[in-house]
Amino acid sequence: MDINDPIKDNLENFKEAYLNDFGIELSDKEAYEALFNLVGFFNALMKIDRKIKLEKKFKYSKIKL
């Protein structure tokens, strides 16, 4: 039975893309840290976007955030 590990597959894809784009070969640890940081960055952007949208929604209402 062959079970694919999605994390390992994503790491390999990321490492290959990074090598093609920047000419730098990453270790598994470096690739994992880069992907972890990238996901954290986009998570922060999503939270900021939600807050801005919520503030715009209530801008003219009596509710103040």
C-alpha atoms as a PDB file:
ATOM      1  CA  MET A   1       0.000   0.000   0.000  1.00  0.00           C
ATOM      2  CA  ASP A   2       1.427   3.362  -1.101  1.00  0.00           C
ATOM      3  CA  ILE A   3       0.383   6.298   1.050  1.00  0.00           C
ATOM      4  CA  ASN A   4       1.377   9.764  -0.138  1.00  0.00           C
ATOM      5  CA  ASP A   5       2.428  12.246   2.503  1.00  0.00           C
ATOM      6  CA  PRO A   6       0.921  15.607   1.462  1.00  0.00           C
ATOM      7  CA  ILE A   7       3.430  17.589   3.511  1.00  0.00           C
ATOM      8  CA  LYS A   8       6.388  15.839   1.902  1.00  0.00           C
ATOM      9  CA  ASP A   9       4.841  16.255  -1.554  1.00  0.00           C
ATOM     10  CA  ASN A  10       4.326  19.983  -0.951  1.00  0.00           C
ATOM     11  CA  LEU A  11       7.868  20.363   0.369  1.00  0.00           C
ATOM     12  CA  GLU A  12       9.292  18.699  -2.720  1.00  0.00           C
ATOM     13  CA  ASN A  13       7.173  20.882  -5.027  1.00  0.00           C
ATOM     14  CA  PHE A  14       8.222  24.014  -3.150  1.00  0.00           C
ATOM     15  CA  LYS A  15      11.904  23.043  -3.202  1.00  0.00           C
ATOM     16  CA  GLU A  16      11.739  22.405  -6.956  1.00  0.00           C
ATOM     17  CA  ALA A  17       9.978  25.734  -7.614  1.00  0.00           C
ATOM     18  CA  TYR A  18      12.462  27.601  -5.408  1.00  0.00           C
ATOM     19  CA  LEU A  19      15.379  26.017  -7.228  1.00  0.00           C
ATOM     20  CA  ASN A  20      13.887  26.907 -10.616  1.00  0.00           C
ATOM     21  CA  ASP A  21      13.072  30.493  -9.603  1.00  0.00           C
ATOM     22  CA  PHE A  22      16.119  31.412  -7.526  1.00  0.00           C
ATOM     23  CA  GLY A  23      18.737  28.783  -8.338  1.00  0.00           C
ATOM     24  CA  ILE A  24      19.086  27.872  -4.655  1.00  0.00           C
ATOM     25  CA  GLU A  25      18.588  24.356  -3.347  1.00  0.00           C
ATOM     26  CA  LEU A  26      16.815  24.231   0.016  1.00  0.00           C
ATOM     27  CA  SER A  27      17.029  21.491   2.625  1.00  0.00           C
ATOM     28  CA  ASP A  28      13.804  19.945   3.904  1.00  0.00           C
ATOM     29  CA  LYS A  29      14.114  22.013   7.090  1.00  0.00           C
ATOM     30  CA  GLU A  30      14.631  25.273   5.188  1.00  0.00           C
ATOM     31  CA  ALA A  31      11.693  24.535   2.882  1.00  0.00           C
ATOM     32  CA  TYR A  32       9.434  23.647   5.830  1.00  0.00           C
ATOM     33  CA  GLU A  33      10.357  26.865   7.664  1.00  0.00           C
ATOM     34  CA  ALA A  34       9.822  28.968   4.529  1.00  0.00           C
ATOM     35  CA  LEU A  35       6.395  27.429   3.893  1.00  0.00           C
ATOM     36  CA  PHE A  36       5.414  27.745   7.566  1.00  0.00           C
ATOM     37  CA  ASN A  37       6.376  31.444   7.522  1.00  0.00           C
ATOM     38  CA  LEU A  38       4.552  32.002   4.231  1.00  0.00           C
ATOM     39  CA  VAL A  39       1.347  30.475   5.603  1.00  0.00           C
ATOM     40  CA  GLY A  40       1.676  32.594   8.751  1.00  0.00           C
ATOM     41  CA  PHE A  41       2.144  35.731   6.652  1.00  0.00           C
ATOM     42  CA  PHE A  42      -0.995  35.065   4.618  1.00  0.00           C
ATOM     43  CA  ASN A  43      -2.917  34.243   7.792  1.00  0.00           C
ATOM     44  CA  ALA A  44      -1.953  37.655   9.176  1.00  0.00           C
ATOM     45  CA  LEU A  45      -3.022  39.340   5.926  1.00  0.00           C
ATOM     46  CA  MET A  46      -6.411  37.611   6.103  1.00  0.00           C
ATOM     47  CA  LYS A  47      -6.948  38.812   9.686  1.00  0.00           C
ATOM     48  CA  ILE A  48      -6.062  42.386   8.712  1.00  0.00           C
ATOM     49  CA  ASP A  49      -8.397  42.212   5.710  1.00  0.00           C
ATOM     50  CA  ARG A  50     -11.273  40.952   7.872  1.00  0.00           C
ATOM     51  CA  LYS A  51     -10.704  43.726  10.403  1.00  0.00           C
ATOM     52  CA  ILE A  52     -10.674  46.411   7.689  1.00  0.00           C
ATOM     53  CA  LYS A  53     -13.869  45.042   6.134  1.00  0.00           C
ATOM     54  CA  LEU A  54     -15.560  44.924   9.529  1.00  0.00           C
ATOM     55  CA  GLU A  55     -14.531  48.504  10.292  1.00  0.00           C
ATOM     56  CA  LYS A  56     -15.865  49.677   6.917  1.00  0.00           C
ATOM     57  CA  LYS A  57     -19.140  47.849   7.522  1.00  0.00           C
ATOM     58  CA  PHE A  58     -19.719  49.652  10.819  1.00  0.00           C
ATOM     59  CA  LYS A  59     -18.164  52.973   9.845  1.00  0.00           C
ATOM     60  CA  TYR A  60     -21.455  54.826   9.698  1.00  0.00           C
ATOM     61  CA  SER A  61     -23.307  52.850  12.333  1.00  0.00           C
ATOM     62  CA  LYS A  62     -23.587  53.642  16.008  1.00  0.00           C
ATOM     63  CA  ILE A  63     -21.440  50.630  16.874  1.00  0.00           C
ATOM     64  CA  LYS A  64     -17.806  51.550  17.380  1.00  0.00           C
ATOM     65  CA  LEU A  65     -15.093  48.916  17.391  1.00  0.00           C
END
